[in-house]
Amino acid sequence: MLFSHDTEHALGNVVELVNTGPAATGDEHLSDLVALQSLVERCEVSDVRDLDGDDLEAVLRLRDRFHDVFRTPDDTGLTVRRINAIIAEARTMPHLTDHDDYDWHVHFSAPGSQLAERLAAECGIALAFVVAAGELDRLRVCEAPDCDRVLVDLSRNRCRRYCDSRTCGNRMHVAAYRARQREAAAG
């Protein structure tokens, strides 16, 4: 395992969040409180109070900021400034917790934090761990020509190129196979 379970979970959450937006998919998938609650459940975010419109707006703003992090992996300085700004505004408060039958683990947000602060702290710190480990190149945008979804390549040999092997990866492999078949038939 490259990172701790909690860090990998938070990295998965930031990918899940960013990929709800029109910049990643062309459509808005976080348009109301029902969609926001669904995101909270998919990401298994604990200690979330009742959500309201302010939470949705704050999470949408945060999503855009996280998306910017994935768009500048070649500019380490800019990426670091973006991550540091997200963490600073999250009012982090690291503490150990063992809630919901999980073993002891660290939360980086204060208990009772608003959802956006919680996501900013947890996901921002996870991204900071990626940078500190010298692994910034693992933050990627899908290489399929018609896809702008983001991903974190946690594979051992850094070979993940597509957001989802069942969709984009499969389509690209089929297209490459067909191109080879056409080339062989023509040649």
N, C-alpha and C. Protein backbone atom coordinates (compact mmCIF):
# COMPACT_ATOMS: atom_id res chain seq x y z
N MET A 1 0.85 -1.17 0.00
CA MET A 1 0.00 0.00 0.00
C MET A 1 0.90 1.24 0.00
N LEU A 2 0.67 2.12 -0.93
CA LEU A 2 1.48 3.32 -1.07
C LEU A 2 1.22 4.32 0.05
N PHE A 3 -0.04 4.53 0.36
CA PHE A 3 -0.45 5.46 1.41
C PHE A 3 -1.31 4.70 2.42
N SER A 4 -1.58 5.32 3.56
CA SER A 4 -2.43 4.67 4.55
C SER A 4 -3.84 4.51 4.00
N HIS A 5 -4.60 3.62 4.62
CA HIS A 5 -5.98 3.40 4.20
C HIS A 5 -6.78 4.70 4.23
N ASP A 6 -6.62 5.48 5.29
CA ASP A 6 -7.38 6.73 5.42
C ASP A 6 -7.00 7.73 4.33
N THR A 7 -5.72 7.79 3.99
CA THR A 7 -5.29 8.71 2.93
C THR A 7 -5.85 8.26 1.59
N GLU A 8 -5.78 6.97 1.31
CA GLU A 8 -6.34 6.48 0.04
C GLU A 8 -7.85 6.69 -0.01
N HIS A 9 -8.52 6.54 1.12
CA HIS A 9 -9.96 6.79 1.16
C HIS A 9 -10.25 8.26 0.84
N ALA A 10 -9.50 9.17 1.44
CA ALA A 10 -9.70 10.60 1.18
C ALA A 10 -9.36 10.95 -0.26
N LEU A 11 -8.35 10.31 -0.83
CA LEU A 11 -8.03 10.54 -2.25
C LEU A 11 -9.17 10.07 -3.14
N GLY A 12 -9.75 8.93 -2.79
CA GLY A 12 -10.92 8.47 -3.53
C GLY A 12 -12.08 9.44 -3.41
N ASN A 13 -12.23 10.04 -2.24
CA ASN A 13 -13.31 11.01 -2.05
C ASN A 13 -13.10 12.28 -2.87
N VAL A 14 -11.87 12.75 -2.95
CA VAL A 14 -11.64 13.96 -3.75
C VAL A 14 -11.89 13.68 -5.22
N VAL A 15 -11.54 12.49 -5.69
CA VAL A 15 -11.83 12.10 -7.07
C VAL A 15 -13.34 12.03 -7.28
N GLU A 16 -14.03 11.40 -6.35
CA GLU A 16 -15.49 11.29 -6.43
C GLU A 16 -16.13 12.68 -6.49
N LEU A 17 -15.66 13.58 -5.65
CA LEU A 17 -16.20 14.95 -5.62
C LEU A 17 -15.93 15.68 -6.93
N VAL A 18 -14.69 15.71 -7.37
CA VAL A 18 -14.34 16.44 -8.59
C VAL A 18 -15.11 15.89 -9.78
N ASN A 19 -15.28 14.59 -9.83
CA ASN A 19 -15.94 13.98 -10.99
C ASN A 19 -17.46 14.14 -10.99
N THR A 20 -18.00 14.88 -10.02
CA THR A 20 -19.43 15.20 -10.06
C THR A 20 -19.69 16.46 -10.89
N GLY A 21 -18.64 17.16 -11.27
CA GLY A 21 -18.81 18.47 -11.89
C GLY A 21 -18.82 18.49 -13.39
N PRO A 22 -19.38 19.55 -13.95
CA PRO A 22 -19.44 19.68 -15.41
C PRO A 22 -18.06 19.78 -16.05
N ALA A 23 -17.07 20.27 -15.33
CA ALA A 23 -15.72 20.34 -15.89
C ALA A 23 -15.16 18.94 -16.15
N ALA A 24 -15.60 17.97 -15.38
CA ALA A 24 -15.11 16.60 -15.53
C ALA A 24 -16.00 15.76 -16.44
N THR A 25 -17.30 15.97 -16.36
CA THR A 25 -18.22 15.07 -17.06
C THR A 25 -19.10 15.74 -18.10
N GLY A 26 -19.10 17.06 -18.11
CA GLY A 26 -19.99 17.78 -19.02
C GLY A 26 -21.35 18.04 -18.42
N ASP A 27 -21.69 17.36 -17.34
CA ASP A 27 -22.98 17.52 -16.67
C ASP A 27 -22.75 17.81 -15.19
N GLU A 28 -23.71 18.48 -14.59
CA GLU A 28 -23.68 18.73 -13.15
C GLU A 28 -24.35 17.57 -12.43
N HIS A 29 -23.59 16.87 -11.61
CA HIS A 29 -24.13 15.73 -10.86
C HIS A 29 -24.27 16.04 -9.37
N LEU A 30 -24.12 17.30 -9.02
CA LEU A 30 -24.26 17.71 -7.63
C LEU A 30 -25.14 18.96 -7.60
N SER A 31 -26.35 18.79 -8.11
CA SER A 31 -27.23 19.94 -8.33
C SER A 31 -28.19 20.25 -7.19
N ASP A 32 -28.31 19.35 -6.23
CA ASP A 32 -29.27 19.60 -5.15
C ASP A 32 -28.82 18.86 -3.88
N LEU A 33 -29.59 19.05 -2.83
CA LEU A 33 -29.23 18.46 -1.54
C LEU A 33 -29.33 16.94 -1.55
N VAL A 34 -30.22 16.39 -2.35
CA VAL A 34 -30.32 14.93 -2.45
C VAL A 34 -29.03 14.36 -3.04
N ALA A 35 -28.52 15.01 -4.08
CA ALA A 35 -27.26 14.58 -4.70
C ALA A 35 -26.10 14.75 -3.72
N LEU A 36 -26.11 15.83 -2.95
CA LEU A 36 -25.06 16.05 -1.96
C LEU A 36 -25.10 14.98 -0.88
N GLN A 37 -26.29 14.64 -0.40
CA GLN A 37 -26.42 13.58 0.61
C GLN A 37 -25.94 12.24 0.04
N SER A 38 -26.24 11.99 -1.21
CA SER A 38 -25.78 10.77 -1.87
C SER A 38 -24.25 10.73 -1.92
N LEU A 39 -23.62 11.87 -2.21
CA LEU A 39 -22.16 11.95 -2.22
C LEU A 39 -21.61 11.63 -0.83
N VAL A 40 -22.20 12.21 0.20
CA VAL A 40 -21.78 11.96 1.58
C VAL A 40 -21.83 10.47 1.89
N GLU A 41 -22.90 9.81 1.47
CA GLU A 41 -23.05 8.38 1.73
C GLU A 41 -22.05 7.55 0.93
N ARG A 42 -21.87 7.88 -0.36
CA ARG A 42 -20.90 7.14 -1.18
C ARG A 42 -19.48 7.29 -0.63
N CYS A 43 -19.17 8.47 -0.15
CA CYS A 43 -17.83 8.75 0.37
C CYS A 43 -17.66 8.35 1.83
N GLU A 44 -18.74 7.88 2.45
CA GLU A 44 -18.71 7.46 3.85
C GLU A 44 -18.15 8.54 4.76
N VAL A 45 -18.65 9.77 4.59
CA VAL A 45 -18.23 10.87 5.44
C VAL A 45 -19.06 10.81 6.72
N SER A 46 -18.40 10.72 7.85
CA SER A 46 -19.10 10.60 9.13
C SER A 46 -19.29 11.98 9.76
N ASP A 47 -20.11 12.00 10.80
CA ASP A 47 -20.31 13.20 11.61
C ASP A 47 -20.78 14.39 10.76
N VAL A 48 -21.74 14.13 9.87
CA VAL A 48 -22.28 15.20 9.02
C VAL A 48 -23.64 15.60 9.56
N ARG A 49 -23.78 16.88 9.84
CA ARG A 49 -25.06 17.40 10.35
C ARG A 49 -26.04 17.51 9.18
N ASP A 50 -27.24 17.98 9.46
CA ASP A 50 -28.22 18.19 8.39
C ASP A 50 -27.67 19.19 7.37
N LEU A 51 -27.79 18.84 6.10
CA LEU A 51 -27.23 19.67 5.03
C LEU A 51 -28.24 20.72 4.59
N ASP A 52 -27.71 21.86 4.14
CA ASP A 52 -28.57 22.92 3.61
C ASP A 52 -27.93 23.52 2.37
N GLY A 53 -28.58 24.51 1.80
CA GLY A 53 -28.10 25.14 0.58
C GLY A 53 -26.71 25.75 0.72
N ASP A 54 -26.39 26.26 1.90
CA ASP A 54 -25.05 26.81 2.12
C ASP A 54 -23.99 25.72 2.01
N ASP A 55 -24.31 24.53 2.51
CA ASP A 55 -23.38 23.40 2.39
C ASP A 55 -23.14 23.06 0.93
N LEU A 56 -24.21 23.02 0.17
CA LEU A 56 -24.09 22.69 -1.25
C LEU A 56 -23.21 23.72 -1.96
N GLU A 57 -23.45 24.99 -1.74
CA GLU A 57 -22.65 26.03 -2.39
C GLU A 57 -21.18 25.95 -1.98
N ALA A 58 -20.92 25.70 -0.71
CA ALA A 58 -19.54 25.60 -0.23
C ALA A 58 -18.84 24.39 -0.84
N VAL A 59 -19.54 23.27 -0.96
CA VAL A 59 -18.94 22.07 -1.55
C VAL A 59 -18.69 22.29 -3.04
N LEU A 60 -19.58 22.97 -3.73
CA LEU A 60 -19.36 23.25 -5.16
C LEU A 60 -18.13 24.13 -5.36
N ARG A 61 -17.95 25.13 -4.51
CA ARG A 61 -16.75 25.99 -4.60
C ARG A 61 -15.49 25.16 -4.33
N LEU A 62 -15.56 24.31 -3.32
CA LEU A 62 -14.42 23.46 -2.98
C LEU A 62 -14.10 22.50 -4.13
N ARG A 63 -15.13 21.96 -4.73
CA ARG A 63 -14.93 21.03 -5.86
C ARG A 63 -14.13 21.70 -6.97
N ASP A 64 -14.46 22.94 -7.28
CA ASP A 64 -13.72 23.66 -8.33
C ASP A 64 -12.26 23.85 -7.94
N ARG A 65 -12.01 24.11 -6.68
CA ARG A 65 -10.63 24.31 -6.22
C ARG A 65 -9.85 23.00 -6.30
N PHE A 66 -10.48 21.89 -5.93
CA PHE A 66 -9.81 20.60 -6.05
C PHE A 66 -9.57 20.25 -7.52
N HIS A 67 -10.51 20.58 -8.38
CA HIS A 67 -10.32 20.31 -9.80
C HIS A 67 -9.09 21.06 -10.32
N ASP A 68 -8.89 22.28 -9.86
CA ASP A 68 -7.71 23.05 -10.26
C ASP A 68 -6.42 22.34 -9.87
N VAL A 69 -6.41 21.64 -8.74
CA VAL A 69 -5.22 20.90 -8.30
C VAL A 69 -4.85 19.84 -9.34
N PHE A 70 -5.84 19.14 -9.87
CA PHE A 70 -5.57 18.08 -10.84
C PHE A 70 -5.15 18.64 -12.19
N ARG A 71 -5.48 19.88 -12.47
CA ARG A 71 -5.17 20.46 -13.78
C ARG A 71 -3.75 21.01 -13.86
N THR A 72 -3.02 21.06 -12.76
CA THR A 72 -1.67 21.65 -12.78
C THR A 72 -0.60 20.73 -12.19
N PRO A 73 -0.60 19.44 -12.51
CA PRO A 73 0.39 18.56 -11.87
C PRO A 73 1.82 18.86 -12.30
N ASP A 74 2.01 19.53 -13.42
CA ASP A 74 3.36 19.84 -13.88
C ASP A 74 3.93 21.09 -13.22
N ASP A 75 3.10 21.84 -12.52
CA ASP A 75 3.54 23.05 -11.83
C ASP A 75 3.43 22.80 -10.33
N THR A 76 4.48 22.20 -9.78
CA THR A 76 4.45 21.81 -8.38
C THR A 76 4.20 22.99 -7.46
N GLY A 77 4.86 24.11 -7.73
CA GLY A 77 4.69 25.28 -6.87
C GLY A 77 3.25 25.74 -6.81
N LEU A 78 2.60 25.84 -7.97
CA LEU A 78 1.20 26.26 -8.02
C LEU A 78 0.30 25.24 -7.33
N THR A 79 0.55 23.97 -7.58
CA THR A 79 -0.25 22.92 -6.95
C THR A 79 -0.12 22.97 -5.44
N VAL A 80 1.09 23.15 -4.94
CA VAL A 80 1.32 23.23 -3.50
C VAL A 80 0.61 24.44 -2.91
N ARG A 81 0.69 25.58 -3.58
CA ARG A 81 -0.01 26.77 -3.08
C ARG A 81 -1.52 26.53 -3.01
N ARG A 82 -2.05 25.88 -4.02
CA ARG A 82 -3.49 25.59 -4.03
C ARG A 82 -3.88 24.65 -2.88
N ILE A 83 -3.11 23.60 -2.70
CA ILE A 83 -3.41 22.65 -1.62
C ILE A 83 -3.26 23.33 -0.26
N ASN A 84 -2.18 24.09 -0.07
CA ASN A 84 -1.98 24.78 1.20
C ASN A 84 -3.12 25.74 1.51
N ALA A 85 -3.60 26.44 0.50
CA ALA A 85 -4.71 27.38 0.72
C ALA A 85 -5.97 26.64 1.14
N ILE A 86 -6.24 25.51 0.51
CA ILE A 86 -7.42 24.71 0.88
C ILE A 86 -7.31 24.25 2.33
N ILE A 87 -6.14 23.74 2.70
CA ILE A 87 -5.94 23.24 4.07
C ILE A 87 -6.05 24.39 5.08
N ALA A 88 -5.44 25.52 4.78
CA ALA A 88 -5.46 26.66 5.71
C ALA A 88 -6.87 27.14 5.99
N GLU A 89 -7.70 27.16 4.96
CA GLU A 89 -9.07 27.64 5.13
C GLU A 89 -9.98 26.60 5.79
N ALA A 90 -9.52 25.37 5.88
CA ALA A 90 -10.35 24.29 6.44
C ALA A 90 -10.35 24.27 7.96
N ARG A 91 -9.52 25.08 8.59
CA ARG A 91 -9.44 25.09 10.05
C ARG A 91 -9.20 23.68 10.57
N THR A 92 -8.10 23.09 10.16
CA THR A 92 -7.81 21.72 10.54
C THR A 92 -7.60 21.59 12.05
N MET A 93 -7.96 20.44 12.54
CA MET A 93 -7.79 20.11 13.96
C MET A 93 -7.61 18.60 14.07
N PRO A 94 -6.40 18.12 13.81
CA PRO A 94 -6.17 16.67 13.84
C PRO A 94 -6.52 16.07 15.21
N HIS A 95 -7.21 14.94 15.16
CA HIS A 95 -7.54 14.23 16.39
C HIS A 95 -7.82 12.76 16.08
N LEU A 96 -7.55 11.92 17.06
CA LEU A 96 -7.83 10.49 16.93
C LEU A 96 -9.29 10.22 17.24
N THR A 97 -9.86 9.28 16.51
CA THR A 97 -11.25 8.90 16.73
C THR A 97 -11.44 7.42 16.38
N ASP A 98 -12.44 6.80 16.97
CA ASP A 98 -12.73 5.39 16.67
C ASP A 98 -14.23 5.19 16.48
N HIS A 99 -14.86 6.10 15.79
CA HIS A 99 -16.31 6.10 15.59
C HIS A 99 -16.79 4.95 14.70
N ASP A 100 -18.06 4.66 14.77
CA ASP A 100 -18.76 3.74 13.87
C ASP A 100 -18.06 2.39 13.69
N ASP A 101 -17.52 1.85 14.76
CA ASP A 101 -16.86 0.53 14.74
C ASP A 101 -15.59 0.48 13.91
N TYR A 102 -15.02 1.64 13.56
CA TYR A 102 -13.71 1.67 12.90
C TYR A 102 -12.63 1.69 13.97
N ASP A 103 -11.46 1.15 13.63
CA ASP A 103 -10.32 1.25 14.55
C ASP A 103 -9.90 2.71 14.66
N TRP A 104 -8.95 2.96 15.55
CA TRP A 104 -8.44 4.31 15.73
C TRP A 104 -7.86 4.83 14.42
N HIS A 105 -8.23 6.05 14.12
CA HIS A 105 -7.71 6.71 12.93
C HIS A 105 -7.75 8.22 13.17
N VAL A 106 -7.12 8.97 12.28
CA VAL A 106 -7.02 10.42 12.45
C VAL A 106 -8.02 11.12 11.55
N HIS A 107 -8.76 12.04 12.14
CA HIS A 107 -9.55 12.99 11.36
C HIS A 107 -8.82 14.33 11.45
N PHE A 108 -8.82 15.06 10.37
CA PHE A 108 -8.10 16.32 10.33
C PHE A 108 -9.01 17.53 10.51
N SER A 109 -10.29 17.31 10.54
CA SER A 109 -11.23 18.42 10.74
C SER A 109 -11.77 18.38 12.16
N ALA A 110 -12.20 19.54 12.62
CA ALA A 110 -12.76 19.62 13.97
C ALA A 110 -14.09 18.87 14.02
N PRO A 111 -14.38 18.22 15.14
CA PRO A 111 -15.68 17.56 15.27
C PRO A 111 -16.80 18.58 15.04
N GLY A 112 -17.81 18.18 14.28
CA GLY A 112 -18.93 19.06 14.00
C GLY A 112 -18.68 20.07 12.90
N SER A 113 -17.56 19.95 12.19
CA SER A 113 -17.27 20.88 11.09
C SER A 113 -18.33 20.78 10.01
N GLN A 114 -18.48 21.86 9.27
CA GLN A 114 -19.36 21.82 8.11
C GLN A 114 -18.77 20.85 7.08
N LEU A 115 -19.61 20.33 6.22
CA LEU A 115 -19.17 19.33 5.25
C LEU A 115 -18.01 19.82 4.40
N ALA A 116 -18.09 21.02 3.87
CA ALA A 116 -17.02 21.54 3.01
C ALA A 116 -15.70 21.64 3.78
N GLU A 117 -15.76 22.08 5.03
CA GLU A 117 -14.54 22.14 5.85
C GLU A 117 -13.99 20.74 6.07
N ARG A 118 -14.87 19.80 6.32
CA ARG A 118 -14.45 18.41 6.55
C ARG A 118 -13.77 17.85 5.31
N LEU A 119 -14.39 18.03 4.14
CA LEU A 119 -13.80 17.53 2.90
C LEU A 119 -12.49 18.26 2.59
N ALA A 120 -12.46 19.56 2.83
CA ALA A 120 -11.24 20.34 2.57
C ALA A 120 -10.09 19.83 3.43
N ALA A 121 -10.36 19.60 4.70
CA ALA A 121 -9.31 19.13 5.60
C ALA A 121 -8.85 17.73 5.25
N GLU A 122 -9.80 16.79 5.16
CA GLU A 122 -9.43 15.39 4.93
C GLU A 122 -8.79 15.20 3.55
N CYS A 123 -9.42 15.74 2.52
CA CYS A 123 -8.90 15.56 1.16
C CYS A 123 -7.68 16.42 0.91
N GLY A 124 -7.67 17.63 1.48
CA GLY A 124 -6.50 18.50 1.32
C GLY A 124 -5.25 17.90 1.94
N ILE A 125 -5.39 17.35 3.14
CA ILE A 125 -4.24 16.70 3.79
C ILE A 125 -3.80 15.47 2.99
N ALA A 126 -4.75 14.71 2.48
CA ALA A 126 -4.39 13.54 1.66
C ALA A 126 -3.59 13.97 0.43
N LEU A 127 -4.02 15.04 -0.22
CA LEU A 127 -3.26 15.55 -1.37
C LEU A 127 -1.89 16.05 -0.94
N ALA A 128 -1.80 16.64 0.24
CA ALA A 128 -0.50 17.08 0.76
C ALA A 128 0.43 15.89 0.97
N PHE A 129 -0.11 14.77 1.45
CA PHE A 129 0.70 13.56 1.62
C PHE A 129 1.22 13.07 0.26
N VAL A 130 0.41 13.19 -0.78
CA VAL A 130 0.85 12.79 -2.12
C VAL A 130 2.03 13.64 -2.55
N VAL A 131 1.92 14.94 -2.37
CA VAL A 131 3.01 15.85 -2.75
C VAL A 131 4.26 15.55 -1.91
N ALA A 132 4.09 15.41 -0.59
CA ALA A 132 5.22 15.18 0.30
C ALA A 132 5.94 13.87 -0.01
N ALA A 133 5.21 12.90 -0.55
CA ALA A 133 5.81 11.61 -0.91
C ALA A 133 6.48 11.66 -2.29
N GLY A 134 6.44 12.82 -2.94
CA GLY A 134 7.03 12.94 -4.27
C GLY A 134 6.21 12.22 -5.33
N GLU A 135 4.91 12.11 -5.12
CA GLU A 135 4.05 11.33 -6.00
C GLU A 135 3.01 12.18 -6.73
N LEU A 136 3.30 13.45 -6.94
CA LEU A 136 2.34 14.35 -7.56
C LEU A 136 1.89 13.87 -8.93
N ASP A 137 2.77 13.16 -9.64
CA ASP A 137 2.40 12.68 -10.98
C ASP A 137 1.32 11.61 -10.94
N ARG A 138 0.93 11.17 -9.76
CA ARG A 138 -0.17 10.21 -9.65
C ARG A 138 -1.54 10.88 -9.76
N LEU A 139 -1.57 12.20 -9.66
CA LEU A 139 -2.82 12.95 -9.85
C LEU A 139 -2.97 13.20 -11.34
N ARG A 140 -4.02 12.68 -11.93
CA ARG A 140 -4.13 12.70 -13.39
C ARG A 140 -5.54 13.02 -13.85
N VAL A 141 -5.59 13.40 -15.14
CA VAL A 141 -6.84 13.52 -15.86
C VAL A 141 -6.88 12.34 -16.81
N CYS A 142 -8.03 11.72 -16.97
CA CYS A 142 -8.20 10.56 -17.85
C CYS A 142 -7.62 10.87 -19.23
N GLU A 143 -6.92 9.91 -19.82
CA GLU A 143 -6.30 10.09 -21.12
C GLU A 143 -7.22 9.81 -22.30
N ALA A 144 -8.43 9.35 -22.05
CA ALA A 144 -9.38 9.16 -23.15
C ALA A 144 -9.68 10.54 -23.75
N PRO A 145 -9.68 10.64 -25.08
CA PRO A 145 -9.82 11.96 -25.71
C PRO A 145 -11.13 12.68 -25.42
N ASP A 146 -12.17 11.95 -25.07
CA ASP A 146 -13.46 12.58 -24.82
C ASP A 146 -13.84 12.56 -23.34
N CYS A 147 -12.85 12.45 -22.46
CA CYS A 147 -13.12 12.37 -21.02
C CYS A 147 -12.18 13.31 -20.26
N ASP A 148 -12.74 14.05 -19.34
CA ASP A 148 -11.95 14.95 -18.50
C ASP A 148 -12.08 14.61 -17.02
N ARG A 149 -12.49 13.37 -16.73
CA ARG A 149 -12.59 12.95 -15.34
C ARG A 149 -11.18 12.84 -14.76
N VAL A 150 -11.08 12.99 -13.44
CA VAL A 150 -9.78 12.91 -12.78
C VAL A 150 -9.62 11.55 -12.12
N LEU A 151 -8.38 11.22 -11.78
CA LEU A 151 -8.09 9.97 -11.09
C LEU A 151 -6.81 10.13 -10.29
N VAL A 152 -6.65 9.27 -9.31
CA VAL A 152 -5.39 9.14 -8.58
C VAL A 152 -4.89 7.75 -8.89
N ASP A 153 -3.73 7.67 -9.53
CA ASP A 153 -3.16 6.38 -9.90
C ASP A 153 -2.44 5.78 -8.69
N LEU A 154 -3.07 4.82 -8.06
CA LEU A 154 -2.48 4.15 -6.90
C LEU A 154 -1.87 2.81 -7.28
N SER A 155 -1.73 2.55 -8.58
CA SER A 155 -1.14 1.29 -9.00
C SER A 155 0.35 1.28 -8.66
N ARG A 156 0.88 0.10 -8.45
CA ARG A 156 2.28 -0.04 -8.06
C ARG A 156 3.23 0.52 -9.12
N ASN A 157 2.92 0.28 -10.38
CA ASN A 157 3.84 0.69 -11.45
C ASN A 157 3.38 1.95 -12.19
N ARG A 158 2.46 2.69 -11.61
CA ARG A 158 2.01 3.98 -12.16
C ARG A 158 1.49 3.85 -13.59
N CYS A 159 0.72 2.83 -13.86
CA CYS A 159 0.30 2.56 -15.24
C CYS A 159 -1.15 2.93 -15.53
N ARG A 160 -1.88 3.41 -14.54
CA ARG A 160 -3.30 3.72 -14.77
C ARG A 160 -3.41 4.99 -15.60
N ARG A 161 -4.12 4.88 -16.72
CA ARG A 161 -4.25 6.00 -17.65
C ARG A 161 -5.68 6.50 -17.78
N TYR A 162 -6.63 5.67 -17.40
CA TYR A 162 -8.04 6.00 -17.62
C TYR A 162 -8.79 6.03 -16.30
N CYS A 163 -9.84 6.84 -16.27
CA CYS A 163 -10.62 7.01 -15.04
C CYS A 163 -11.30 5.71 -14.63
N ASP A 164 -11.66 4.89 -15.59
CA ASP A 164 -12.37 3.65 -15.31
C ASP A 164 -12.01 2.64 -16.38
N SER A 165 -11.47 1.52 -15.98
CA SER A 165 -11.05 0.52 -16.96
C SER A 165 -12.24 -0.10 -17.68
N ARG A 166 -13.42 -0.08 -17.06
CA ARG A 166 -14.60 -0.69 -17.68
C ARG A 166 -15.21 0.21 -18.76
N THR A 167 -14.99 1.50 -18.67
CA THR A 167 -15.59 2.40 -19.67
C THR A 167 -14.50 2.98 -20.55
N CYS A 168 -13.83 4.00 -20.08
CA CYS A 168 -12.82 4.67 -20.92
C CYS A 168 -11.69 3.71 -21.31
N GLY A 169 -11.18 2.96 -20.36
CA GLY A 169 -10.10 2.04 -20.68
C GLY A 169 -10.50 1.01 -21.71
N ASN A 170 -11.67 0.42 -21.54
CA ASN A 170 -12.15 -0.58 -22.48
C ASN A 170 -12.37 0.04 -23.87
N ARG A 171 -12.99 1.21 -23.92
CA ARG A 171 -13.22 1.87 -25.22
C ARG A 171 -11.91 2.15 -25.93
N MET A 172 -10.91 2.62 -25.20
CA MET A 172 -9.63 2.95 -25.83
C MET A 172 -8.89 1.69 -26.28
N HIS A 173 -8.98 0.62 -25.51
CA HIS A 173 -8.34 -0.63 -25.92
C HIS A 173 -9.02 -1.22 -27.15
N VAL A 174 -10.34 -1.15 -27.21
CA VAL A 174 -11.07 -1.64 -28.39
C VAL A 174 -10.70 -0.80 -29.61
N ALA A 175 -10.63 0.52 -29.44
CA ALA A 175 -10.27 1.40 -30.56
C ALA A 175 -8.86 1.10 -31.05
N ALA A 176 -7.93 0.86 -30.14
CA ALA A 176 -6.56 0.53 -30.54
C ALA A 176 -6.52 -0.81 -31.26
N TYR A 177 -7.28 -1.79 -30.76
CA TYR A 177 -7.34 -3.10 -31.41
C TYR A 177 -7.88 -2.97 -32.83
N ARG A 178 -8.96 -2.23 -32.99
CA ARG A 178 -9.55 -2.05 -34.32
C ARG A 178 -8.60 -1.32 -35.25
N ALA A 179 -7.88 -0.36 -34.74
CA ALA A 179 -6.90 0.36 -35.57
C ALA A 179 -5.80 -0.60 -36.02
N ARG A 180 -5.35 -1.48 -35.13
CA ARG A 180 -4.32 -2.46 -35.52
C ARG A 180 -4.86 -3.42 -36.57
N GLN A 181 -6.13 -3.82 -36.41
CA GLN A 181 -6.74 -4.73 -37.38
C GLN A 181 -6.85 -4.07 -38.76
N ARG A 182 -7.25 -2.80 -38.79
CA ARG A 182 -7.34 -2.07 -40.06
C ARG A 182 -5.97 -1.94 -40.70
N GLU A 183 -4.97 -1.64 -39.88
CA GLU A 183 -3.61 -1.47 -40.39
C GLU A 183 -3.08 -2.80 -40.95
N ALA A 184 -3.36 -3.89 -40.25
CA ALA A 184 -2.90 -5.21 -40.72
C ALA A 184 -3.60 -5.60 -42.02
N ALA A 185 -4.89 -5.28 -42.12
CA ALA A 185 -5.65 -5.61 -43.34
C ALA A 185 -5.19 -4.77 -44.52
N ALA A 186 -4.78 -3.53 -44.26
CA ALA A 186 -4.34 -2.63 -45.33
C ALA A 186 -2.90 -2.91 -45.74
N GLY A 187 -2.13 -3.48 -44.86
CA GLY A 187 -0.70 -3.62 -45.08
C GLY A 187 -0.30 -4.89 -45.64
